[in-house]
Amino acid sequence: MTRTRKWYLEFRDHIGIVRRLAGYDDKRMTEKLAEYVQELVNCRAVGVSPDVKVGQWLESVSVRILAKLVEWGLVDGERMETTKPLADHIDDYSRVLGNRQRSRDYAVRVPNRLRKIVQACRFVYLPRCHENQCGGAPAEAEDGRHEGHDRTVTMRMRSRAF
């Protein structure tokens, strides 16, 4: 580790390239960062997935650090999508619907419904979405249909996202 205004770590990645990553102002936090990065390098070198602890750390790491780890191939690129707000995902989905020759009404109605669900449940990022925040699975009506169409859409959205 090198000290300037921030602490930096230098390491060899899984293919032997020397990398330099800006850490934090605090030396201890940068040392902890170095431990996690080394664990990622080791996992990538032998072709195994990181353990749960490293996965949880990746969910909380700054976008700046995560972007570098993705750029260097230490972390799967899909991991960056978890740092993108759900509102942006819905906007992307809306554009896709418009390009798929769907009716204008459908292309507007579905994203608006998703926005209402996300706002009602106070979801911001995908990893923070949990069933119990919106009341769990939709209730079954006597005729076998689900009551509350929006809740059904929530469950479908979640099952496809994971």
N, C-alpha and C. Protein backbone atom coordinates (compact mmCIF):
# COMPACT_ATOMS: atom_id res chain seq x y z
N MET A 1 0.84 -1.18 0.00
CA MET A 1 0.00 0.00 0.00
C MET A 1 0.88 1.24 0.00
N THR A 2 0.42 2.24 -0.69
CA THR A 2 1.14 3.50 -0.80
C THR A 2 0.25 4.61 -0.26
N ARG A 3 0.87 5.60 0.41
CA ARG A 3 0.10 6.69 0.99
C ARG A 3 0.33 7.96 0.20
N THR A 4 -0.75 8.55 -0.28
CA THR A 4 -0.75 9.91 -0.82
C THR A 4 -1.89 10.58 -0.07
N ARG A 5 -2.77 11.28 -0.77
CA ARG A 5 -3.94 11.82 -0.10
C ARG A 5 -4.84 10.67 0.34
N LYS A 6 -4.86 9.62 -0.45
CA LYS A 6 -5.58 8.39 -0.13
C LYS A 6 -4.55 7.28 -0.06
N TRP A 7 -4.93 6.20 0.55
CA TRP A 7 -4.10 5.01 0.51
C TRP A 7 -4.40 4.26 -0.79
N TYR A 8 -3.39 3.71 -1.39
CA TYR A 8 -3.54 2.94 -2.63
C TYR A 8 -3.06 1.52 -2.39
N LEU A 9 -3.61 0.59 -3.14
CA LEU A 9 -3.06 -0.75 -3.08
C LEU A 9 -2.59 -1.16 -4.47
N GLU A 10 -1.48 -1.85 -4.49
CA GLU A 10 -0.94 -2.40 -5.72
C GLU A 10 -0.92 -3.91 -5.57
N PHE A 11 -1.35 -4.59 -6.62
CA PHE A 11 -1.43 -6.05 -6.57
C PHE A 11 -1.34 -6.60 -7.99
N ARG A 12 -1.01 -7.87 -8.07
CA ARG A 12 -1.05 -8.57 -9.36
C ARG A 12 -2.40 -9.25 -9.47
N ASP A 13 -3.04 -9.05 -10.61
CA ASP A 13 -4.35 -9.68 -10.78
C ASP A 13 -4.20 -11.14 -11.21
N HIS A 14 -5.27 -11.76 -11.55
CA HIS A 14 -5.31 -13.19 -11.88
C HIS A 14 -4.53 -13.55 -13.14
N ILE A 15 -4.19 -12.55 -13.97
CA ILE A 15 -3.38 -12.84 -15.16
C ILE A 15 -1.99 -12.22 -15.07
N GLY A 16 -1.63 -11.75 -13.87
CA GLY A 16 -0.27 -11.28 -13.62
C GLY A 16 -0.02 -9.81 -13.89
N ILE A 17 -1.06 -9.04 -14.24
CA ILE A 17 -0.88 -7.61 -14.49
C ILE A 17 -0.88 -6.86 -13.16
N VAL A 18 0.06 -5.93 -12.99
CA VAL A 18 0.11 -5.13 -11.78
C VAL A 18 -0.97 -4.06 -11.87
N ARG A 19 -1.81 -4.01 -10.88
CA ARG A 19 -2.93 -3.05 -10.81
C ARG A 19 -2.73 -2.12 -9.63
N ARG A 20 -3.24 -0.92 -9.77
CA ARG A 20 -3.18 0.07 -8.69
C ARG A 20 -4.59 0.59 -8.48
N LEU A 21 -5.06 0.49 -7.25
CA LEU A 21 -6.43 0.87 -6.92
C LEU A 21 -6.43 1.87 -5.78
N ALA A 22 -7.10 2.98 -5.99
CA ALA A 22 -7.24 3.98 -4.93
C ALA A 22 -8.14 3.42 -3.84
N GLY A 23 -7.65 3.46 -2.62
CA GLY A 23 -8.42 2.96 -1.49
C GLY A 23 -9.16 4.08 -0.80
N TYR A 24 -8.93 4.18 0.50
CA TYR A 24 -9.64 5.15 1.33
C TYR A 24 -8.63 6.06 2.03
N ASP A 25 -9.14 7.08 2.69
CA ASP A 25 -8.28 7.96 3.49
C ASP A 25 -7.75 7.21 4.72
N ASP A 26 -8.52 6.26 5.20
CA ASP A 26 -8.17 5.50 6.39
C ASP A 26 -7.35 4.26 6.01
N LYS A 27 -6.22 4.08 6.66
CA LYS A 27 -5.33 2.96 6.34
C LYS A 27 -5.99 1.62 6.64
N ARG A 28 -6.68 1.49 7.77
CA ARG A 28 -7.31 0.22 8.13
C ARG A 28 -8.38 -0.20 7.13
N MET A 29 -9.16 0.77 6.69
CA MET A 29 -10.20 0.46 5.70
C MET A 29 -9.57 0.01 4.38
N THR A 30 -8.45 0.62 4.02
CA THR A 30 -7.75 0.24 2.79
C THR A 30 -7.13 -1.14 2.94
N GLU A 31 -6.63 -1.47 4.13
CA GLU A 31 -6.10 -2.81 4.36
C GLU A 31 -7.20 -3.86 4.22
N LYS A 32 -8.39 -3.55 4.72
CA LYS A 32 -9.53 -4.47 4.59
C LYS A 32 -9.92 -4.61 3.12
N LEU A 33 -9.90 -3.50 2.39
CA LEU A 33 -10.15 -3.53 0.95
C LEU A 33 -9.14 -4.45 0.26
N ALA A 34 -7.89 -4.33 0.65
CA ALA A 34 -6.83 -5.17 0.06
C ALA A 34 -7.10 -6.66 0.30
N GLU A 35 -7.60 -7.00 1.48
CA GLU A 35 -7.92 -8.40 1.79
C GLU A 35 -9.03 -8.92 0.86
N TYR A 36 -10.07 -8.12 0.68
CA TYR A 36 -11.17 -8.55 -0.19
C TYR A 36 -10.70 -8.64 -1.65
N VAL A 37 -9.92 -7.68 -2.09
CA VAL A 37 -9.43 -7.72 -3.47
C VAL A 37 -8.54 -8.94 -3.68
N GLN A 38 -7.69 -9.25 -2.70
CA GLN A 38 -6.84 -10.43 -2.81
C GLN A 38 -7.67 -11.71 -2.88
N GLU A 39 -8.75 -11.74 -2.12
CA GLU A 39 -9.65 -12.90 -2.16
C GLU A 39 -10.29 -13.03 -3.54
N LEU A 40 -10.68 -11.90 -4.13
CA LEU A 40 -11.24 -11.92 -5.49
C LEU A 40 -10.22 -12.43 -6.50
N VAL A 41 -8.96 -11.96 -6.37
CA VAL A 41 -7.90 -12.40 -7.28
C VAL A 41 -7.69 -13.91 -7.14
N ASN A 42 -7.63 -14.38 -5.92
CA ASN A 42 -7.43 -15.83 -5.68
C ASN A 42 -8.58 -16.65 -6.27
N CYS A 43 -9.81 -16.20 -6.07
CA CYS A 43 -10.96 -16.93 -6.60
C CYS A 43 -10.94 -16.94 -8.12
N ARG A 44 -10.64 -15.80 -8.70
CA ARG A 44 -10.60 -15.70 -10.17
C ARG A 44 -9.49 -16.57 -10.75
N ALA A 45 -8.35 -16.62 -10.06
CA ALA A 45 -7.21 -17.40 -10.54
C ALA A 45 -7.51 -18.90 -10.60
N VAL A 46 -8.29 -19.39 -9.64
CA VAL A 46 -8.60 -20.83 -9.62
C VAL A 46 -9.98 -21.14 -10.21
N GLY A 47 -10.71 -20.10 -10.60
CA GLY A 47 -11.99 -20.29 -11.28
C GLY A 47 -13.15 -20.68 -10.39
N VAL A 48 -13.13 -20.20 -9.14
CA VAL A 48 -14.26 -20.47 -8.25
C VAL A 48 -14.98 -19.16 -7.92
N SER A 49 -16.21 -19.29 -7.47
CA SER A 49 -16.98 -18.11 -7.07
C SER A 49 -16.54 -17.65 -5.69
N PRO A 50 -16.55 -16.35 -5.46
CA PRO A 50 -16.21 -15.84 -4.11
C PRO A 50 -17.23 -16.34 -3.09
N ASP A 51 -16.80 -16.41 -1.83
CA ASP A 51 -17.71 -16.87 -0.78
C ASP A 51 -18.77 -15.81 -0.47
N VAL A 52 -19.69 -16.16 0.39
CA VAL A 52 -20.81 -15.28 0.74
C VAL A 52 -20.33 -13.96 1.33
N LYS A 53 -19.32 -14.02 2.17
CA LYS A 53 -18.81 -12.81 2.82
C LYS A 53 -18.31 -11.81 1.78
N VAL A 54 -17.58 -12.29 0.78
CA VAL A 54 -17.08 -11.40 -0.27
C VAL A 54 -18.25 -10.89 -1.11
N GLY A 55 -19.23 -11.75 -1.37
CA GLY A 55 -20.41 -11.32 -2.11
C GLY A 55 -21.17 -10.22 -1.40
N GLN A 56 -21.30 -10.33 -0.09
CA GLN A 56 -21.96 -9.28 0.68
C GLN A 56 -21.15 -7.99 0.65
N TRP A 57 -19.83 -8.12 0.72
CA TRP A 57 -18.97 -6.94 0.65
C TRP A 57 -19.15 -6.25 -0.71
N LEU A 58 -19.23 -7.04 -1.78
CA LEU A 58 -19.39 -6.45 -3.12
C LEU A 58 -20.68 -5.65 -3.25
N GLU A 59 -21.71 -6.04 -2.51
CA GLU A 59 -22.97 -5.30 -2.55
C GLU A 59 -22.85 -3.94 -1.90
N SER A 60 -21.88 -3.77 -1.01
CA SER A 60 -21.76 -2.51 -0.28
C SER A 60 -20.60 -1.64 -0.73
N VAL A 61 -19.74 -2.17 -1.60
CA VAL A 61 -18.56 -1.42 -2.02
C VAL A 61 -18.97 -0.26 -2.92
N SER A 62 -18.16 0.78 -2.97
CA SER A 62 -18.49 1.96 -3.78
C SER A 62 -18.52 1.62 -5.26
N VAL A 63 -19.28 2.38 -6.01
CA VAL A 63 -19.41 2.17 -7.45
C VAL A 63 -18.05 2.36 -8.12
N ARG A 64 -17.27 3.29 -7.64
CA ARG A 64 -15.94 3.56 -8.20
C ARG A 64 -15.06 2.32 -8.14
N ILE A 65 -15.01 1.69 -6.98
CA ILE A 65 -14.18 0.49 -6.80
C ILE A 65 -14.76 -0.67 -7.59
N LEU A 66 -16.06 -0.86 -7.52
CA LEU A 66 -16.70 -1.95 -8.24
C LEU A 66 -16.46 -1.83 -9.75
N ALA A 67 -16.53 -0.63 -10.28
CA ALA A 67 -16.30 -0.42 -11.71
C ALA A 67 -14.89 -0.86 -12.11
N LYS A 68 -13.91 -0.54 -11.28
CA LYS A 68 -12.53 -0.96 -11.57
C LYS A 68 -12.40 -2.48 -11.52
N LEU A 69 -13.01 -3.10 -10.53
CA LEU A 69 -12.93 -4.55 -10.40
C LEU A 69 -13.59 -5.25 -11.59
N VAL A 70 -14.68 -4.68 -12.07
CA VAL A 70 -15.34 -5.22 -13.26
C VAL A 70 -14.46 -5.01 -14.48
N GLU A 71 -13.91 -3.81 -14.61
CA GLU A 71 -13.03 -3.49 -15.75
C GLU A 71 -11.85 -4.45 -15.83
N TRP A 72 -11.30 -4.83 -14.69
CA TRP A 72 -10.14 -5.72 -14.65
C TRP A 72 -10.52 -7.20 -14.72
N GLY A 73 -11.80 -7.50 -14.76
CA GLY A 73 -12.24 -8.89 -14.87
C GLY A 73 -12.25 -9.67 -13.57
N LEU A 74 -12.16 -8.97 -12.46
CA LEU A 74 -12.19 -9.65 -11.16
C LEU A 74 -13.61 -9.91 -10.68
N VAL A 75 -14.55 -9.15 -11.22
CA VAL A 75 -15.95 -9.27 -10.84
C VAL A 75 -16.77 -9.31 -12.13
N ASP A 76 -17.82 -10.13 -12.11
CA ASP A 76 -18.72 -10.25 -13.25
C ASP A 76 -19.39 -8.91 -13.54
N GLY A 77 -19.51 -8.56 -14.79
CA GLY A 77 -20.10 -7.28 -15.20
C GLY A 77 -21.53 -7.11 -14.75
N GLU A 78 -22.27 -8.21 -14.58
CA GLU A 78 -23.65 -8.11 -14.11
C GLU A 78 -23.73 -7.50 -12.72
N ARG A 79 -22.66 -7.61 -11.98
CA ARG A 79 -22.63 -7.06 -10.62
C ARG A 79 -22.82 -5.54 -10.65
N MET A 80 -22.34 -4.90 -11.72
CA MET A 80 -22.50 -3.44 -11.84
C MET A 80 -23.97 -3.06 -11.97
N GLU A 81 -24.76 -3.94 -12.57
CA GLU A 81 -26.18 -3.63 -12.75
C GLU A 81 -26.89 -3.49 -11.41
N THR A 82 -26.38 -4.11 -10.36
CA THR A 82 -27.03 -4.01 -9.05
C THR A 82 -26.84 -2.63 -8.45
N THR A 83 -25.90 -1.85 -8.97
CA THR A 83 -25.68 -0.50 -8.45
C THR A 83 -26.50 0.53 -9.21
N LYS A 84 -27.19 0.08 -10.24
CA LYS A 84 -28.01 0.97 -11.06
C LYS A 84 -29.40 1.04 -10.43
N PRO A 85 -29.93 2.24 -10.21
CA PRO A 85 -31.27 2.35 -9.60
C PRO A 85 -32.34 1.66 -10.43
N LEU A 86 -33.34 1.11 -9.75
CA LEU A 86 -34.43 0.42 -10.44
C LEU A 86 -35.14 1.35 -11.41
N ALA A 87 -35.25 2.62 -11.09
CA ALA A 87 -35.89 3.57 -12.00
C ALA A 87 -35.18 3.58 -13.35
N ASP A 88 -33.86 3.48 -13.35
CA ASP A 88 -33.11 3.45 -14.60
C ASP A 88 -33.36 2.14 -15.36
N HIS A 89 -33.46 1.03 -14.63
CA HIS A 89 -33.79 -0.25 -15.27
C HIS A 89 -35.16 -0.18 -15.93
N ILE A 90 -36.11 0.45 -15.24
CA ILE A 90 -37.46 0.57 -15.80
C ILE A 90 -37.44 1.45 -17.05
N ASP A 91 -36.65 2.52 -17.03
CA ASP A 91 -36.52 3.36 -18.22
C ASP A 91 -35.95 2.57 -19.40
N ASP A 92 -34.94 1.75 -19.12
CA ASP A 92 -34.36 0.90 -20.17
C ASP A 92 -35.42 -0.07 -20.71
N TYR A 93 -36.19 -0.66 -19.81
CA TYR A 93 -37.23 -1.61 -20.19
C TYR A 93 -38.29 -0.91 -21.05
N SER A 94 -38.61 0.31 -20.69
CA SER A 94 -39.59 1.08 -21.45
C SER A 94 -39.11 1.29 -22.89
N ARG A 95 -37.83 1.59 -23.05
CA ARG A 95 -37.27 1.77 -24.40
C ARG A 95 -37.31 0.45 -25.17
N VAL A 96 -37.03 -0.65 -24.50
CA VAL A 96 -37.09 -1.96 -25.16
C VAL A 96 -38.50 -2.25 -25.63
N LEU A 97 -39.48 -1.99 -24.78
CA LEU A 97 -40.87 -2.23 -25.16
C LEU A 97 -41.25 -1.39 -26.38
N GLY A 98 -40.80 -0.16 -26.43
CA GLY A 98 -41.08 0.71 -27.56
C GLY A 98 -40.46 0.20 -28.85
N ASN A 99 -39.29 -0.43 -28.73
CA ASN A 99 -38.60 -0.95 -29.90
C ASN A 99 -39.13 -2.30 -30.36
N ARG A 100 -39.92 -2.96 -29.55
CA ARG A 100 -40.42 -4.30 -29.88
C ARG A 100 -41.77 -4.27 -30.57
N GLN A 101 -42.14 -3.16 -31.10
CA GLN A 101 -43.39 -3.00 -31.83
C GLN A 101 -44.60 -3.33 -30.97
N ARG A 102 -44.51 -3.03 -29.70
CA ARG A 102 -45.67 -3.15 -28.82
C ARG A 102 -46.55 -1.93 -29.05
N SER A 103 -47.81 -2.04 -28.64
CA SER A 103 -48.68 -0.87 -28.76
C SER A 103 -48.17 0.23 -27.84
N ARG A 104 -48.40 1.45 -28.24
CA ARG A 104 -47.94 2.59 -27.43
C ARG A 104 -48.55 2.52 -26.03
N ASP A 105 -49.82 2.15 -25.96
CA ASP A 105 -50.50 2.04 -24.68
C ASP A 105 -49.79 1.04 -23.77
N TYR A 106 -49.45 -0.13 -24.30
CA TYR A 106 -48.77 -1.17 -23.52
C TYR A 106 -47.38 -0.69 -23.08
N ALA A 107 -46.66 -0.07 -24.01
CA ALA A 107 -45.29 0.39 -23.73
C ALA A 107 -45.26 1.49 -22.68
N VAL A 108 -46.36 2.17 -22.47
CA VAL A 108 -46.44 3.22 -21.45
C VAL A 108 -47.02 2.65 -20.15
N ARG A 109 -48.06 1.82 -20.28
CA ARG A 109 -48.77 1.30 -19.11
C ARG A 109 -47.89 0.40 -18.23
N VAL A 110 -47.17 -0.52 -18.84
CA VAL A 110 -46.37 -1.49 -18.07
C VAL A 110 -45.26 -0.79 -17.27
N PRO A 111 -44.43 0.05 -17.89
CA PRO A 111 -43.41 0.74 -17.09
C PRO A 111 -44.01 1.63 -15.99
N ASN A 112 -45.14 2.27 -16.27
CA ASN A 112 -45.78 3.09 -15.24
C ASN A 112 -46.23 2.24 -14.06
N ARG A 113 -46.75 1.06 -14.36
CA ARG A 113 -47.18 0.15 -13.29
C ARG A 113 -45.96 -0.28 -12.47
N LEU A 114 -44.86 -0.58 -13.14
CA LEU A 114 -43.64 -0.97 -12.43
C LEU A 114 -43.12 0.17 -11.55
N ARG A 115 -43.16 1.39 -12.08
CA ARG A 115 -42.73 2.55 -11.27
C ARG A 115 -43.57 2.68 -10.00
N LYS A 116 -44.89 2.49 -10.13
CA LYS A 116 -45.76 2.58 -8.95
C LYS A 116 -45.40 1.52 -7.91
N ILE A 117 -45.12 0.32 -8.36
CA ILE A 117 -44.76 -0.76 -7.44
C ILE A 117 -43.45 -0.44 -6.73
N VAL A 118 -42.46 -0.01 -7.51
CA VAL A 118 -41.14 0.30 -6.95
C VAL A 118 -41.26 1.43 -5.93
N GLN A 119 -42.06 2.46 -6.25
CA GLN A 119 -42.24 3.57 -5.32
C GLN A 119 -43.01 3.15 -4.07
N ALA A 120 -44.07 2.35 -4.25
CA ALA A 120 -44.88 1.92 -3.11
C ALA A 120 -44.06 1.06 -2.14
N CYS A 121 -43.19 0.25 -2.68
CA CYS A 121 -42.37 -0.63 -1.84
C CYS A 121 -41.09 0.04 -1.38
N ARG A 122 -40.85 1.24 -1.89
CA ARG A 122 -39.64 2.01 -1.56
C ARG A 122 -38.37 1.28 -1.96
N PHE A 123 -38.43 0.58 -3.09
CA PHE A 123 -37.25 -0.07 -3.63
C PHE A 123 -36.43 0.97 -4.38
N VAL A 124 -35.13 0.89 -4.25
CA VAL A 124 -34.24 1.77 -5.00
C VAL A 124 -33.30 0.93 -5.85
N TYR A 125 -32.71 -0.10 -5.24
CA TYR A 125 -31.77 -0.97 -5.94
C TYR A 125 -32.26 -2.41 -5.86
N LEU A 126 -32.00 -3.18 -6.88
CA LEU A 126 -32.48 -4.54 -6.96
C LEU A 126 -32.08 -5.43 -5.78
N PRO A 127 -30.83 -5.40 -5.30
CA PRO A 127 -30.48 -6.29 -4.19
C PRO A 127 -31.26 -6.01 -2.90
N ARG A 128 -31.86 -4.84 -2.81
CA ARG A 128 -32.57 -4.47 -1.59
C ARG A 128 -34.05 -4.87 -1.65
N CYS A 129 -34.49 -5.48 -2.76
CA CYS A 129 -35.89 -5.87 -2.92
C CYS A 129 -36.15 -7.18 -2.19
N HIS A 130 -37.16 -7.18 -1.34
CA HIS A 130 -37.54 -8.38 -0.61
C HIS A 130 -39.04 -8.53 -0.67
N GLU A 131 -39.51 -9.77 -0.79
CA GLU A 131 -40.95 -10.03 -0.88
C GLU A 131 -41.73 -9.41 0.27
N ASN A 132 -41.20 -9.56 1.48
CA ASN A 132 -41.97 -9.14 2.65
C ASN A 132 -42.17 -7.63 2.73
N GLN A 133 -41.46 -6.84 1.91
CA GLN A 133 -41.66 -5.40 1.94
C GLN A 133 -42.96 -5.01 1.26
N CYS A 134 -43.49 -5.84 0.39
CA CYS A 134 -44.75 -5.54 -0.29
C CYS A 134 -45.83 -6.55 0.07
N GLY A 135 -45.66 -7.22 1.16
CA GLY A 135 -46.70 -8.12 1.62
C GLY A 135 -46.57 -9.55 1.14
N GLY A 136 -45.46 -9.92 0.54
CA GLY A 136 -45.25 -11.31 0.15
C GLY A 136 -45.99 -11.70 -1.11
N ALA A 137 -46.30 -12.98 -1.24
CA ALA A 137 -46.94 -13.51 -2.44
C ALA A 137 -48.38 -13.01 -2.53
N PRO A 138 -48.88 -12.85 -3.77
CA PRO A 138 -50.25 -12.39 -3.93
C PRO A 138 -51.25 -13.42 -3.38
N ALA A 139 -52.34 -12.92 -2.84
CA ALA A 139 -53.36 -13.81 -2.28
C ALA A 139 -54.16 -14.44 -3.41
N GLU A 140 -54.60 -15.67 -3.19
CA GLU A 140 -55.41 -16.37 -4.19
C GLU A 140 -56.88 -16.04 -3.95
N ALA A 141 -57.58 -15.70 -5.00
CA ALA A 141 -59.03 -15.49 -4.92
C ALA A 141 -59.71 -16.85 -5.03
N GLU A 142 -61.03 -16.90 -4.78
CA GLU A 142 -61.76 -18.18 -4.83
C GLU A 142 -61.71 -18.80 -6.21
N ASP A 143 -61.65 -17.98 -7.25
CA ASP A 143 -61.65 -18.53 -8.61
C ASP A 143 -60.24 -18.91 -9.07
N GLY A 144 -59.27 -18.85 -8.17
CA GLY A 144 -57.92 -19.26 -8.50
C GLY A 144 -57.05 -18.16 -9.07
N ARG A 145 -57.64 -16.99 -9.32
CA ARG A 145 -56.86 -15.87 -9.83
C ARG A 145 -56.26 -15.10 -8.67
N HIS A 146 -55.21 -14.37 -8.95
CA HIS A 146 -54.56 -13.58 -7.91
C HIS A 146 -55.28 -12.26 -7.72
N GLU A 147 -55.50 -11.91 -6.47
CA GLU A 147 -56.05 -10.60 -6.17
C GLU A 147 -54.92 -9.59 -6.22
N GLY A 148 -55.19 -8.43 -6.70
CA GLY A 148 -54.17 -7.37 -6.71
C GLY A 148 -53.17 -7.59 -7.83
N HIS A 149 -53.51 -7.15 -9.02
CA HIS A 149 -52.65 -7.35 -10.20
C HIS A 149 -51.24 -6.80 -9.98
N ASP A 150 -51.13 -5.64 -9.33
CA ASP A 150 -49.81 -5.03 -9.13
C ASP A 150 -48.90 -5.93 -8.31
N ARG A 151 -49.43 -6.61 -7.32
CA ARG A 151 -48.60 -7.50 -6.51
C ARG A 151 -48.12 -8.68 -7.34
N THR A 152 -48.96 -9.16 -8.25
CA THR A 152 -48.57 -10.25 -9.14
C THR A 152 -47.42 -9.80 -10.04
N VAL A 153 -47.52 -8.59 -10.57
CA VAL A 153 -46.46 -8.05 -11.41
C VAL A 153 -45.16 -7.95 -10.60
N THR A 154 -45.26 -7.55 -9.33
CA THR A 154 -44.07 -7.46 -8.48
C THR A 154 -43.39 -8.80 -8.39
N MET A 155 -44.17 -9.85 -8.16
CA MET A 155 -43.58 -11.17 -7.99
C MET A 155 -42.95 -11.65 -9.30
N ARG A 156 -43.59 -11.36 -10.42
CA ARG A 156 -43.00 -11.74 -11.70
C ARG A 156 -41.72 -10.98 -11.95
N MET A 157 -41.73 -9.68 -11.64
CA MET A 157 -40.56 -8.85 -11.83
C MET A 157 -39.40 -9.40 -11.01
N ARG A 158 -39.66 -9.77 -9.77
CA ARG A 158 -38.61 -10.29 -8.91
C ARG A 158 -38.10 -11.64 -9.42
N SER A 159 -39.00 -12.52 -9.83
CA SER A 159 -38.56 -13.85 -10.23
C SER A 159 -37.74 -13.81 -11.51
N ARG A 160 -38.01 -12.87 -12.39
CA ARG A 160 -37.24 -12.76 -13.62
C ARG A 160 -35.92 -12.04 -13.39
N ALA A 161 -35.88 -11.20 -12.39
CA ALA A 161 -34.66 -10.42 -12.15
C ALA A 161 -33.57 -11.25 -11.52
N PHE A 162 -33.92 -12.32 -10.81
CA PHE A 162 -32.90 -13.07 -10.09
C PHE A 162 -32.53 -14.33 -10.80
